[in-house]
Amino acid sequence: MNDRKKRAGFSVRSVVATGIGAAVFFVLMKFIAIPTGIPNTTVNVAEGWLALIASLFGPVVGLLVGFIGHTLNDAVTYGSPWWSWVIADAIFGLLLGFGKKYLALEYGDLSTKKLIQFNVWQAVSNVIVWLIIAPIGDILIYKEPAQKVFLQGAVTAFVNTLSVAIIGSLLLVAYVKSRPKKSSLRSE
């Protein structure tokens, strides 16, 4: 019966993680954004949070947190969402979520090798979403000039990679240190 419920939809844990994750993502994106000097481009600490949530709860929760959090931020800040970047953030959450099984954070073990591989994956994911998906979306949806959007995409890919490498990695390490290692509990 429990297996059928899990397959039929989201678990309560995933729904709660999505809601809390999106709310925190929105607050971080809205209130802790550092301008880069390029219009509409900031150092976004929310991406580090998204890395933790996606790594813990998987691709669907990562996608929803990125989508909902970014949509809320744009709606409140600018009056309407900038869909090409909302979609890019959602895909970024999805891509990071694919690392959930590999990282296996719930077992309280995160080796240096896994952390390095996570950072390589997040850098590749940043390039995919901010140098390809977001600029092409800007051109197709909003008819933005290519030179402008590819510059914004390049800067965003760079600063988000740094943000996730620093903030995301620190959050992953802190989470793992708060968990007992799988082999540390023994029955008597």
C-alpha atoms as a PDB file:
ATOM      1  CA  MET A   1       0.000   0.000   0.000  1.00  0.00           C
ATOM      2  CA  ASN A   2       2.783   2.448   0.913  1.00  0.00           C
ATOM      3  CA  ASP A   3       4.622   1.730  -2.347  1.00  0.00           C
ATOM      4  CA  ARG A   4       1.474   2.477  -4.337  1.00  0.00           C
ATOM      5  CA  LYS A   5       1.072   5.847  -2.597  1.00  0.00           C
ATOM      6  CA  LYS A   6       4.674   6.787  -3.370  1.00  0.00           C
ATOM      7  CA  ARG A   7       4.300   5.870  -7.032  1.00  0.00           C
ATOM      8  CA  ALA A   8       0.967   7.669  -7.335  1.00  0.00           C
ATOM      9  CA  GLY A   9       2.414  11.058  -6.447  1.00  0.00           C
ATOM     10  CA  PHE A  10       4.599  13.173  -4.245  1.00  0.00           C
ATOM     11  CA  SER A  11       5.290  12.113  -0.689  1.00  0.00           C
ATOM     12  CA  VAL A  12       4.302  14.500   2.093  1.00  0.00           C
ATOM     13  CA  ARG A  13       8.028  14.996   2.728  1.00  0.00           C
ATOM     14  CA  SER A  14       8.579  16.088  -0.890  1.00  0.00           C
ATOM     15  CA  VAL A  15       5.608  18.469  -0.821  1.00  0.00           C
ATOM     16  CA  VAL A  16       6.860  20.089   2.396  1.00  0.00           C
ATOM     17  CA  ALA A  17      10.424  20.258   1.023  1.00  0.00           C
ATOM     18  CA  THR A  18       9.120  21.926  -2.136  1.00  0.00           C
ATOM     19  CA  GLY A  19       7.134  24.530  -0.201  1.00  0.00           C
ATOM     20  CA  ILE A  20       9.848  25.378   2.296  1.00  0.00           C
ATOM     21  CA  GLY A  21      12.569  25.131  -0.344  1.00  0.00           C
ATOM     22  CA  ALA A  22      10.758  27.518  -2.704  1.00  0.00           C
ATOM     23  CA  ALA A  23      10.036  29.990   0.117  1.00  0.00           C
ATOM     24  CA  VAL A  24      13.679  30.078   1.236  1.00  0.00           C
ATOM     25  CA  PHE A  25      14.840  30.279  -2.401  1.00  0.00           C
ATOM     26  CA  PHE A  26      12.525  33.278  -2.948  1.00  0.00           C
ATOM     27  CA  VAL A  27      13.742  35.078   0.197  1.00  0.00           C
ATOM     28  CA  LEU A  28      17.412  34.492  -0.667  1.00  0.00           C
ATOM     29  CA  MET A  29      16.921  35.554  -4.281  1.00  0.00           C
ATOM     30  CA  LYS A  30      14.913  38.638  -3.332  1.00  0.00           C
ATOM     31  CA  PHE A  31      16.944  39.949  -0.408  1.00  0.00           C
ATOM     32  CA  ILE A  32      20.485  38.586  -0.814  1.00  0.00           C
ATOM     33  CA  ALA A  33      21.442  39.384  -4.387  1.00  0.00           C
ATOM     34  CA  ILE A  34      24.769  41.054  -5.118  1.00  0.00           C
ATOM     35  CA  PRO A  35      24.892  43.143  -8.338  1.00  0.00           C
ATOM     36  CA  THR A  36      27.542  42.160 -10.890  1.00  0.00           C
ATOM     37  CA  GLY A  37      27.578  45.355 -12.943  1.00  0.00           C
ATOM     38  CA  ILE A  38      25.828  43.613 -15.839  1.00  0.00           C
ATOM     39  CA  PRO A  39      22.120  44.626 -16.095  1.00  0.00           C
ATOM     40  CA  ASN A  40      19.675  42.153 -14.487  1.00  0.00           C
ATOM     41  CA  THR A  41      22.522  39.869 -13.416  1.00  0.00           C
ATOM     42  CA  THR A  42      23.421  39.205  -9.779  1.00  0.00           C
ATOM     43  CA  VAL A  43      25.458  36.867  -7.632  1.00  0.00           C
ATOM     44  CA  ASN A  44      22.633  34.658  -6.468  1.00  0.00           C
ATOM     45  CA  VAL A  45      23.122  32.873  -3.141  1.00  0.00           C
ATOM     46  CA  ALA A  46      19.782  31.110  -3.644  1.00  0.00           C
ATOM     47  CA  GLU A  47      21.525  28.756  -6.087  1.00  0.00           C
ATOM     48  CA  GLY A  48      23.572  27.288  -3.227  1.00  0.00           C
ATOM     49  CA  TRP A  49      20.329  26.585  -1.362  1.00  0.00           C
ATOM     50  CA  LEU A  50      18.842  25.002  -4.498  1.00  0.00           C
ATOM     51  CA  ALA A  51      21.893  22.730  -4.701  1.00  0.00           C
ATOM     52  CA  LEU A  52      21.242  21.434  -1.175  1.00  0.00           C
ATOM     53  CA  ILE A  53      17.496  20.922  -1.687  1.00  0.00           C
ATOM     54  CA  ALA A  54      17.919  19.214  -5.074  1.00  0.00           C
ATOM     55  CA  SER A  55      20.703  16.986  -3.720  1.00  0.00           C
ATOM     56  CA  LEU A  56      18.534  15.916  -0.785  1.00  0.00           C
ATOM     57  CA  PHE A  57      15.157  15.499  -2.475  1.00  0.00           C
ATOM     58  CA  GLY A  58      15.928  14.792  -6.122  1.00  0.00           C
ATOM     59  CA  PRO A  59      15.199  16.223  -9.550  1.00  0.00           C
ATOM     60  CA  VAL A  60      11.442  16.848  -9.298  1.00  0.00           C
ATOM     61  CA  VAL A  61      11.718  18.800  -6.044  1.00  0.00           C
ATOM     62  CA  GLY A  62      14.771  20.647  -7.430  1.00  0.00           C
ATOM     63  CA  LEU A  63      12.844  21.601 -10.559  1.00  0.00           C
ATOM     64  CA  LEU A  64       9.804  22.795  -8.580  1.00  0.00           C
ATOM     65  CA  VAL A  65      11.844  24.779  -6.040  1.00  0.00           C
ATOM     66  CA  GLY A  66      13.739  26.556  -8.831  1.00  0.00           C
ATOM     67  CA  PHE A  67      10.553  27.188 -10.816  1.00  0.00           C
ATOM     68  CA  ILE A  68       8.332  28.359  -7.948  1.00  0.00           C
ATOM     69  CA  GLY A  69      11.029  30.346  -6.135  1.00  0.00           C
ATOM     70  CA  HIS A  70      12.204  32.172  -9.258  1.00  0.00           C
ATOM     71  CA  THR A  71       8.622  32.824 -10.432  1.00  0.00           C
ATOM     72  CA  LEU A  72       7.709  34.341  -7.048  1.00  0.00           C
ATOM     73  CA  ASN A  73      10.829  36.508  -7.042  1.00  0.00           C
ATOM     74  CA  ASP A  74      10.214  37.855 -10.535  1.00  0.00           C
ATOM     75  CA  ALA A  75       6.501  38.448  -9.890  1.00  0.00           C
ATOM     76  CA  VAL A  76       7.190  40.382  -6.679  1.00  0.00           C
ATOM     77  CA  THR A  77      10.297  42.219  -7.898  1.00  0.00           C
ATOM     78  CA  TYR A  78       9.441  42.991 -11.535  1.00  0.00           C
ATOM     79  CA  GLY A  79       5.665  42.513 -11.735  1.00  0.00           C
ATOM     80  CA  SER A  80       5.827  39.417 -13.944  1.00  0.00           C
ATOM     81  CA  PRO A  81       8.107  36.393 -14.379  1.00  0.00           C
ATOM     82  CA  TRP A  82      10.908  36.409 -16.935  1.00  0.00           C
ATOM     83  CA  TRP A  83      10.055  32.935 -18.209  1.00  0.00           C
ATOM     84  CA  SER A  84      13.300  32.063 -19.976  1.00  0.00           C
ATOM     85  CA  TRP A  85      15.243  32.486 -16.730  1.00  0.00           C
ATOM     86  CA  VAL A  86      12.533  30.843 -14.614  1.00  0.00           C
ATOM     87  CA  ILE A  87      12.722  27.802 -16.889  1.00  0.00           C
ATOM     88  CA  ALA A  88      16.530  27.870 -16.726  1.00  0.00           C
ATOM     89  CA  ASP A  89      16.486  27.872 -12.907  1.00  0.00           C
ATOM     90  CA  ALA A  90      13.950  25.034 -12.905  1.00  0.00           C
ATOM     91  CA  ILE A  91      16.149  22.980 -15.240  1.00  0.00           C
ATOM     92  CA  PHE A  92      19.169  23.783 -13.057  1.00  0.00           C
ATOM     93  CA  GLY A  93      17.302  22.345 -10.047  1.00  0.00           C
ATOM     94  CA  LEU A  94      16.349  19.302 -12.115  1.00  0.00           C
ATOM     95  CA  LEU A  95      19.939  18.696 -13.231  1.00  0.00           C
ATOM     96  CA  LEU A  96      21.324  19.083  -9.705  1.00  0.00           C
ATOM     97  CA  GLY A  97      18.659  16.695  -8.430  1.00  0.00           C
ATOM     98  CA  PHE A  98      20.019  13.934 -10.644  1.00  0.00           C
ATOM     99  CA  GLY A  99      22.989  13.795  -8.250  1.00  0.00           C
ATOM    100  CA  LYS A 100      20.809  12.712  -5.291  1.00  0.00           C
ATOM    101  CA  LYS A 101      21.430   8.964  -5.642  1.00  0.00           C
ATOM    102  CA  TYR A 102      25.140   9.414  -6.266  1.00  0.00           C
ATOM    103  CA  LEU A 103      25.726  11.775  -3.344  1.00  0.00           C
ATOM    104  CA  ALA A 104      23.512   9.759  -0.941  1.00  0.00           C
ATOM    105  CA  LEU A 105      23.673  12.542   1.664  1.00  0.00           C
ATOM    106  CA  GLU A 106      21.143  10.830   3.921  1.00  0.00           C
ATOM    107  CA  TYR A 107      23.804   8.269   4.874  1.00  0.00           C
ATOM    108  CA  GLY A 108      26.047  10.917   6.421  1.00  0.00           C
ATOM    109  CA  ASP A 109      29.001  10.389   4.120  1.00  0.00           C
ATOM    110  CA  LEU A 110      30.370  12.912   1.624  1.00  0.00           C
ATOM    111  CA  SER A 111      33.882  12.201   0.415  1.00  0.00           C
ATOM    112  CA  THR A 112      36.165  14.809  -1.124  1.00  0.00           C
ATOM    113  CA  LYS A 113      35.889  12.905  -4.414  1.00  0.00           C
ATOM    114  CA  LYS A 114      32.075  13.136  -4.353  1.00  0.00           C
ATOM    115  CA  LEU A 115      32.220  16.842  -3.497  1.00  0.00           C
ATOM    116  CA  ILE A 116      34.599  17.515  -6.400  1.00  0.00           C
ATOM    117  CA  GLN A 117      32.400  15.514  -8.780  1.00  0.00           C
ATOM    118  CA  PHE A 118      29.332  17.395  -7.515  1.00  0.00           C
ATOM    119  CA  ASN A 119      31.081  20.690  -8.293  1.00  0.00           C
ATOM    120  CA  VAL A 120      32.081  19.546 -11.770  1.00  0.00           C
ATOM    121  CA  TRP A 121      28.444  18.546 -12.391  1.00  0.00           C
ATOM    122  CA  GLN A 122      27.053  21.830 -11.063  1.00  0.00           C
ATOM    123  CA  ALA A 123      29.517  23.797 -13.231  1.00  0.00           C
ATOM    124  CA  VAL A 124      28.435  21.826 -16.320  1.00  0.00           C
ATOM    125  CA  SER A 125      24.782  22.350 -15.333  1.00  0.00           C
ATOM    126  CA  ASN A 126      25.360  26.098 -14.923  1.00  0.00           C
ATOM    127  CA  VAL A 127      26.888  26.283 -18.399  1.00  0.00           C
ATOM    128  CA  ILE A 128      23.958  24.338 -19.893  1.00  0.00           C
ATOM    129  CA  VAL A 129      21.257  26.507 -18.333  1.00  0.00           C
ATOM    130  CA  TRP A 130      22.868  29.964 -18.340  1.00  0.00           C
ATOM    131  CA  LEU A 131      24.956  29.833 -21.541  1.00  0.00           C
ATOM    132  CA  ILE A 132      22.487  27.850 -23.653  1.00  0.00           C
ATOM    133  CA  ILE A 133      18.912  27.628 -22.325  1.00  0.00           C
ATOM    134  CA  ALA A 134      18.424  31.111 -20.815  1.00  0.00           C
ATOM    135  CA  PRO A 135      19.968  33.137 -23.680  1.00  0.00           C
ATOM    136  CA  ILE A 136      18.206  31.122 -26.377  1.00  0.00           C
ATOM    137  CA  GLY A 137      14.956  31.519 -24.431  1.00  0.00           C
ATOM    138  CA  ASP A 138      15.540  35.284 -24.212  1.00  0.00           C
ATOM    139  CA  ILE A 139      16.056  35.464 -27.967  1.00  0.00           C
ATOM    140  CA  LEU A 140      13.080  33.253 -28.872  1.00  0.00           C
ATOM    141  CA  ILE A 141      10.564  34.515 -26.301  1.00  0.00           C
ATOM    142  CA  TYR A 142      11.543  38.157 -25.810  1.00  0.00           C
ATOM    143  CA  LYS A 143      13.480  38.967 -29.013  1.00  0.00           C
ATOM    144  CA  GLU A 144      16.415  40.186 -26.922  1.00  0.00           C
ATOM    145  CA  PRO A 145      19.734  40.993 -28.656  1.00  0.00           C
ATOM    146  CA  ALA A 146      22.019  37.958 -28.736  1.00  0.00           C
ATOM    147  CA  GLN A 147      25.150  39.826 -27.620  1.00  0.00           C
ATOM    148  CA  LYS A 148      23.392  41.138 -24.498  1.00  0.00           C
ATOM    149  CA  VAL A 149      21.829  37.839 -23.405  1.00  0.00           C
ATOM    150  CA  PHE A 150      24.921  35.736 -24.014  1.00  0.00           C
ATOM    151  CA  LEU A 151      26.966  38.205 -21.926  1.00  0.00           C
ATOM    152  CA  GLN A 152      24.361  37.977 -19.145  1.00  0.00           C
ATOM    153  CA  GLY A 153      24.376  34.190 -19.476  1.00  0.00           C
ATOM    154  CA  ALA A 154      28.171  33.953 -19.301  1.00  0.00           C
ATOM    155  CA  VAL A 155      28.367  36.167 -16.214  1.00  0.00           C
ATOM    156  CA  THR A 156      25.509  34.279 -14.556  1.00  0.00           C
ATOM    157  CA  ALA A 157      27.081  30.888 -15.309  1.00  0.00           C
ATOM    158  CA  PHE A 158      30.350  32.068 -13.756  1.00  0.00           C
ATOM    159  CA  VAL A 159      28.916  33.681 -10.598  1.00  0.00           C
ATOM    160  CA  ASN A 160      26.385  30.889 -10.009  1.00  0.00           C
ATOM    161  CA  THR A 161      29.120  28.288 -10.354  1.00  0.00           C
ATOM    162  CA  LEU A 162      31.106  30.143  -7.685  1.00  0.00           C
ATOM    163  CA  SER A 163      28.020  30.568  -5.499  1.00  0.00           C
ATOM    164  CA  VAL A 164      27.193  26.861  -5.603  1.00  0.00           C
ATOM    165  CA  ALA A 165      30.858  25.853  -5.221  1.00  0.00           C
ATOM    166  CA  ILE A 166      31.141  27.922  -2.048  1.00  0.00           C
ATOM    167  CA  ILE A 167      27.668  28.150  -0.481  1.00  0.00           C
ATOM    168  CA  GLY A 168      26.279  24.909  -1.884  1.00  0.00           C
ATOM    169  CA  SER A 169      29.358  22.917  -0.888  1.00  0.00           C
ATOM    170  CA  LEU A 170      29.329  24.399   2.626  1.00  0.00           C
ATOM    171  CA  LEU A 171      25.635  23.525   2.997  1.00  0.00           C
ATOM    172  CA  LEU A 172      26.215  19.957   1.775  1.00  0.00           C
ATOM    173  CA  VAL A 173      29.133  19.466   4.173  1.00  0.00           C
ATOM    174  CA  ALA A 174      27.189  20.989   7.086  1.00  0.00           C
ATOM    175  CA  TYR A 175      24.207  18.750   6.366  1.00  0.00           C
ATOM    176  CA  VAL A 176      26.337  15.608   6.198  1.00  0.00           C
ATOM    177  CA  LYS A 177      28.131  16.497   9.441  1.00  0.00           C
ATOM    178  CA  SER A 178      24.733  16.762  11.146  1.00  0.00           C
ATOM    179  CA  ARG A 179      23.795  13.199  10.101  1.00  0.00           C
ATOM    180  CA  PRO A 180      25.040   9.989  11.703  1.00  0.00           C
ATOM    181  CA  LYS A 181      27.152   7.871   9.378  1.00  0.00           C
ATOM    182  CA  LYS A 182      25.367   4.775   8.098  1.00  0.00           C
ATOM    183  CA  SER A 183      27.830   2.466   9.843  1.00  0.00           C
ATOM    184  CA  SER A 184      27.986   4.400  13.140  1.00  0.00           C
ATOM    185  CA  LEU A 185      24.834   2.906  14.665  1.00  0.00           C
ATOM    186  CA  ARG A 186      24.935  -0.698  15.778  1.00  0.00           C
ATOM    187  CA  SER A 187      22.280  -2.863  17.320  1.00  0.00           C
ATOM    188  CA  GLU A 188      23.100  -4.667  20.522  1.00  0.00           C
END
